Structures are given as C-alpha cells and as structure tokens.
Amino acid sequence: MDGFWDILWRELPRFLPVLLGGFVISISVAACSFVIAMLGGLMLAIGKMSKNRWVSRCASWYIEIIRGTPALTQLFIIYFGLSQYGIDVPGFAAAVLGLGMNGAAYVAEIFRAGLTAIPDGQRQAALSLGLTPVQTFSHILVPQAFKLMLPPFCSYSVQLLKDTSLASVVAAPEIMFRARMLIAETYFSMQIYMLVALIYLSVSVPLGILANYLHRHMHGPRMARV
C-alpha cells in the first residue's frame, strides 16, 4: 500500500492545479472583502466619533453586534436567510459581502484608534490656518494615522485570507470548496488538506513577516510582535 508521501507526489500534478485555481478565488474574495471592510470601517469609525449621539450609537451598535456574532452565522444569514425572502445572493457575492461587513466592524476600531492617537492640537492648528474639516481630515490626520494603522491592517489581511475558507459553506468555489470536491472523489483527505495548508502558508507567512517588520519599524523594537 502506498504511503503518504508516495500518494502526495504521485497525485500532485492532479491536485495542485485544482487547488491553485481555488486559491485564486480565495484571494479574489479576500481582496474584494478588504475593500468593503476598509470603506465600511472608515465610515463606522467616523460615525462612532461623531458628535451626533444617534449616529455614534448606531455605529457602536453595528460594531458590537457584528463582533459579537460568528462570521459563519453572518454568511448563513446572507446566503440562506435572504433566499427565504426571495433574495438570492450568489456564493461569491455572499462571501465578499459577509466577510467585508464582518471586517468593517474590526477595521473601524483600527481607524478609530489611529485617528484618536493624533493630538487634537494638529486638527485645531489646521483649522486655524484656513483648512476645511474635510481637508484637515484627509491631508493632516489620515496621513499621520496611516503609519500607526498600517501594521494592524497587514495583520487583518492575514486573518481575512484565512477566513476566506468559510466561503466554502456558501458554495463559493474557493480552495476549501475545491479541496472537498477532490476528497469526495479520491478520499485522499490528508494529502489534500496538507497541500491546502501549504498554499495558505505560502501567502500568510510573508504577510505576517511584513506585518511584524512594519510593527517594529514604526513602533520600535520593544513593542510586542503582531
């Protein structure tokens, strides 16, 4: 009977193209979700910092509700729950929307922490020089806060890439979906899941190294690893 490595090397030319094709979908889901999370997170952060009590409360409620429920449950609501009311969302779109909306709640706190770390005197100085609030926000506050937010954003991107594995439950044809199809066909579960893990590591490890480098470079060597 063939051993683990014998089967892996023999079936590698068959498994790898299928899994890599699924991984391209995983990266696409992660990239689209990241854009939604960044835009949504910025709006939520601005809303939570708003002086309008209701806007601030609504943003806070959204963040608490999303962070307090599993991402898998949110995907099920979008993909299966909405179909009960005649709203059919394709698997890829459901994965992007669900992970993006989930990520926005976490990214909002990164934005808020970065923006509040900038001394308020800089905002007041910019306004006194004639800049509008929008110009002050986009030209003065955001560029300085971005340096503080970049390492957490890199860490979030690593987590988001791994979270795309949840997309398989809504029939998005990403890498885990392809892996389960191969396993159902060949029953070589250990070999296939090992390849999946290695493919994820090939991207997540460099991103993690980049996040740690940025964290040390921007915050000093005494800071803990990301």
Protein backbone atom coordinates (compact mmCIF):
# COMPACT_ATOMS: atom_id res chain seq x y z
CA MET A 1 0.00 0.00 0.00
CA ASP A 2 1.35 3.40 -0.97
CA GLY A 3 2.45 5.69 1.84
CA PHE A 4 1.51 9.30 2.48
CA TRP A 5 4.39 10.83 0.51
CA ASP A 6 4.07 8.35 -2.35
CA ILE A 7 0.45 9.32 -2.86
CA LEU A 8 1.21 13.03 -2.48
CA TRP A 9 3.96 13.09 -5.11
CA ARG A 10 2.02 10.87 -7.48
CA GLU A 11 -1.17 12.93 -7.30
CA LEU A 12 0.50 16.36 -7.02
CA PRO A 13 0.19 17.21 -10.74
CA ARG A 14 -3.51 16.44 -10.47
CA PHE A 15 -4.30 18.15 -7.18
CA LEU A 16 -2.18 21.28 -7.41
CA PRO A 17 -3.80 22.96 -10.46
CA VAL A 18 -7.28 22.45 -8.99
CA LEU A 19 -6.31 23.83 -5.59
CA LEU A 20 -4.37 26.77 -7.02
CA GLY A 21 -7.38 27.65 -9.15
CA GLY A 22 -9.47 27.71 -5.99
CA PHE A 23 -6.83 29.77 -4.20
CA VAL A 24 -7.10 32.44 -6.87
CA ILE A 25 -10.79 32.67 -5.98
CA SER A 26 -9.85 32.85 -2.29
CA ILE A 27 -7.52 35.77 -2.95
CA SER A 28 -10.22 37.49 -5.02
CA VAL A 29 -12.72 37.07 -2.17
CA ALA A 30 -10.16 38.44 0.30
CA ALA A 31 -9.28 41.42 -1.91
CA CYS A 32 -12.89 42.42 -2.53
CA SER A 33 -13.80 41.91 1.12
CA PHE A 34 -10.81 44.02 2.18
CA VAL A 35 -12.04 46.95 0.08
CA ILE A 36 -15.53 46.72 1.60
CA ALA A 37 -14.07 46.39 5.10
CA MET A 38 -11.83 49.44 4.63
CA LEU A 39 -14.59 51.66 3.27
CA GLY A 40 -17.16 50.43 5.77
CA GLY A 41 -14.68 50.59 8.64
CA LEU A 42 -13.76 54.19 7.86
CA MET A 43 -17.43 55.23 7.77
CA LEU A 44 -18.12 53.38 11.02
CA ALA A 45 -15.11 54.98 12.71
CA ILE A 46 -16.21 58.45 11.63
CA GLY A 47 -19.75 57.64 12.75
CA LYS A 48 -18.63 56.38 16.15
CA MET A 49 -16.53 59.52 16.66
CA SER A 50 -19.40 61.76 15.54
CA LYS A 51 -20.81 64.30 17.95
CA ASN A 52 -24.28 63.29 16.81
CA ARG A 53 -25.48 60.92 19.52
CA TRP A 54 -27.66 58.77 17.26
CA VAL A 55 -25.03 58.38 14.57
CA SER A 56 -22.48 57.41 17.20
CA ARG A 57 -24.86 54.93 18.82
CA CYS A 58 -25.82 53.29 15.53
CA ALA A 59 -22.16 52.82 14.59
CA SER A 60 -21.39 51.41 18.05
CA TRP A 61 -24.35 49.02 17.90
CA TYR A 62 -23.30 47.74 14.49
CA ILE A 63 -19.73 47.13 15.69
CA GLU A 64 -20.87 45.31 18.84
CA ILE A 65 -23.45 43.15 17.03
CA ILE A 66 -21.08 42.11 14.25
CA ARG A 67 -18.16 41.46 16.59
CA GLY A 68 -20.45 39.56 18.95
CA THR A 69 -21.67 37.04 16.38
CA PRO A 70 -19.66 34.47 14.38
CA ALA A 71 -18.75 35.33 10.80
CA LEU A 72 -20.14 31.94 9.76
CA THR A 73 -23.57 32.87 11.11
CA GLN A 74 -23.48 36.13 9.16
CA LEU A 75 -22.62 34.25 5.96
CA PHE A 76 -25.53 31.87 6.55
CA ILE A 77 -27.92 34.79 7.04
CA ILE A 78 -26.83 36.42 3.77
CA TYR A 79 -26.73 33.24 1.67
CA PHE A 80 -29.51 31.07 3.13
CA GLY A 81 -31.58 33.51 5.17
CA LEU A 82 -32.16 36.10 2.45
CA SER A 83 -33.17 33.40 -0.04
CA GLN A 84 -36.17 32.69 2.20
CA TYR A 85 -37.45 36.14 1.21
CA GLY A 86 -36.70 35.76 -2.49
CA ILE A 87 -33.29 37.43 -2.42
CA ASP A 88 -30.81 35.00 -3.96
CA VAL A 89 -27.20 36.08 -3.44
CA PRO A 90 -24.53 34.14 -5.43
CA GLY A 91 -21.94 32.32 -3.35
CA PHE A 92 -19.04 34.58 -4.33
CA ALA A 93 -21.03 37.75 -3.67
CA ALA A 94 -22.33 36.39 -0.35
CA ALA A 95 -18.79 35.58 0.76
CA VAL A 96 -17.47 39.01 -0.21
CA LEU A 97 -20.38 40.85 1.37
CA GLY A 98 -20.35 38.79 4.56
CA LEU A 99 -16.61 38.93 5.17
CA GLY A 100 -16.50 42.61 4.17
CA MET A 101 -19.30 43.60 6.55
CA ASN A 102 -17.73 41.50 9.30
CA GLY A 103 -14.30 43.01 8.72
CA ALA A 104 -15.66 46.56 8.74
CA ALA A 105 -16.50 46.21 12.43
CA TYR A 106 -12.90 45.30 13.26
CA VAL A 107 -11.30 47.77 10.86
CA ALA A 108 -13.42 50.55 12.36
CA GLU A 109 -11.63 50.14 15.66
CA ILE A 110 -8.25 50.29 13.91
CA PHE A 111 -9.25 53.53 12.21
CA ARG A 112 -10.62 54.99 15.43
CA ALA A 113 -7.52 54.09 17.42
CA GLY A 114 -5.23 55.55 14.76
CA LEU A 115 -7.18 58.78 14.40
CA THR A 116 -7.56 59.39 18.13
CA ALA A 117 -3.80 58.87 18.59
CA ILE A 118 -3.13 62.10 16.68
CA PRO A 119 -3.02 65.10 19.06
CA ASP A 120 -6.10 67.30 18.75
CA GLY A 121 -3.83 70.35 18.55
CA GLN A 122 -2.90 69.41 14.99
CA ARG A 123 -6.53 69.47 13.93
CA GLN A 124 -7.07 72.82 15.60
CA ALA A 125 -3.91 74.24 14.01
CA ALA A 126 -5.01 73.10 10.55
CA LEU A 127 -8.44 74.65 11.00
CA SER A 128 -6.90 77.91 12.21
CA LEU A 129 -4.81 78.03 9.01
CA GLY A 130 -7.97 78.00 6.93
CA LEU A 131 -8.27 74.31 6.03
CA THR A 132 -11.76 72.87 5.93
CA PRO A 133 -12.65 69.92 8.21
CA VAL A 134 -12.53 67.58 5.20
CA GLN A 135 -9.11 68.89 4.13
CA THR A 136 -7.86 68.60 7.69
CA PHE A 137 -9.07 65.03 7.92
CA SER A 138 -7.72 63.88 4.54
CA HIS A 139 -4.45 65.85 4.40
CA ILE A 140 -3.39 66.15 8.03
CA LEU A 141 -4.93 63.45 10.20
CA VAL A 142 -5.16 60.43 7.87
CA PRO A 143 -1.53 60.52 6.56
CA GLN A 144 -0.17 60.56 10.11
CA ALA A 145 -2.62 57.98 11.42
CA PHE A 146 -1.94 55.67 8.48
CA LYS A 147 1.55 54.92 9.78
CA LEU A 148 0.04 53.71 13.03
CA MET A 149 -2.72 51.75 11.27
CA LEU A 150 -0.58 50.00 8.65
CA PRO A 151 0.73 47.13 10.83
CA PRO A 152 -2.77 46.23 12.15
CA PHE A 153 -4.09 46.37 8.59
CA CYS A 154 -1.43 43.88 7.49
CA SER A 155 -2.35 41.59 10.38
CA TYR A 156 -6.02 41.90 9.46
CA SER A 157 -5.28 40.97 5.84
CA VAL A 158 -3.63 37.74 7.03
CA GLN A 159 -6.67 36.89 9.14
CA LEU A 160 -9.03 37.77 6.30
CA LEU A 161 -7.19 35.47 3.89
CA LYS A 162 -7.62 32.58 6.33
CA ASP A 163 -11.27 33.49 6.91
CA THR A 164 -12.00 33.01 3.20
CA SER A 165 -12.09 29.28 3.99
CA LEU A 166 -15.56 29.99 5.42
CA ALA A 167 -16.71 30.88 1.92
CA SER A 168 -16.87 27.19 1.04
CA VAL A 169 -20.03 26.81 3.14
CA VAL A 170 -21.88 29.17 0.77
CA ALA A 171 -20.67 27.31 -2.32
CA ALA A 172 -18.06 29.89 -3.34
CA PRO A 173 -15.59 27.86 -5.45
CA GLU A 174 -12.53 28.78 -3.38
CA ILE A 175 -9.74 26.49 -2.27
CA MET A 176 -11.56 24.67 0.54
CA PHE A 177 -14.55 24.03 -1.72
CA ARG A 178 -12.23 22.56 -4.36
CA ALA A 179 -10.43 20.53 -1.69
CA ARG A 180 -13.66 18.92 -0.50
CA MET A 181 -14.57 18.05 -4.08
CA LEU A 182 -11.20 16.35 -4.57
CA ILE A 183 -11.56 14.46 -1.29
CA ALA A 184 -15.02 13.24 -2.25
CA GLU A 185 -13.53 11.96 -5.49
CA THR A 186 -10.25 10.45 -4.25
CA TYR A 187 -10.57 10.02 -0.43
CA PHE A 188 -7.00 11.33 -0.02
CA SER A 189 -8.03 13.81 2.65
CA MET A 190 -4.69 14.08 4.49
CA GLN A 191 -2.66 14.79 1.36
CA ILE A 192 -5.14 17.33 0.02
CA TYR A 193 -5.54 19.22 3.28
CA MET A 194 -1.74 19.27 3.66
CA LEU A 195 -1.45 20.94 0.25
CA VAL A 196 -4.15 23.44 1.22
CA ALA A 197 -2.25 24.33 4.39
CA LEU A 198 1.00 24.81 2.47
CA ILE A 199 -0.69 27.04 -0.10
CA TYR A 200 -2.17 29.24 2.66
CA LEU A 201 1.21 29.38 4.40
CA SER A 202 2.93 30.49 1.21
CA VAL A 203 0.99 33.76 1.39
CA SER A 204 0.13 34.22 5.07
CA VAL A 205 3.70 33.77 6.35
CA PRO A 206 5.20 36.53 4.13
CA LEU A 207 2.31 38.82 5.07
CA GLY A 208 2.87 38.05 8.74
CA ILE A 209 6.58 38.79 8.41
CA LEU A 210 5.73 42.10 6.70
CA ALA A 211 3.30 42.99 9.49
CA ASN A 212 5.90 42.28 12.17
CA TYR A 213 8.54 44.26 10.28
CA LEU A 214 6.25 47.26 9.96
CA HIS A 215 5.31 47.00 13.61
CA ARG A 216 8.95 47.00 14.73
CA HIS A 217 9.98 49.67 12.23
CA MET A 218 7.18 52.08 13.12
CA HIS A 219 6.79 51.42 16.83
CA GLY A 220 10.27 50.41 17.94
CA PRO A 221 11.89 47.11 18.89
CA ARG A 222 10.33 46.98 22.36
CA MET A 223 6.83 46.52 21.06
CA ALA A 224 5.39 43.01 21.11
CA ARG A 225 5.03 41.04 17.96
CA VAL A 226 1.79 41.39 16.00
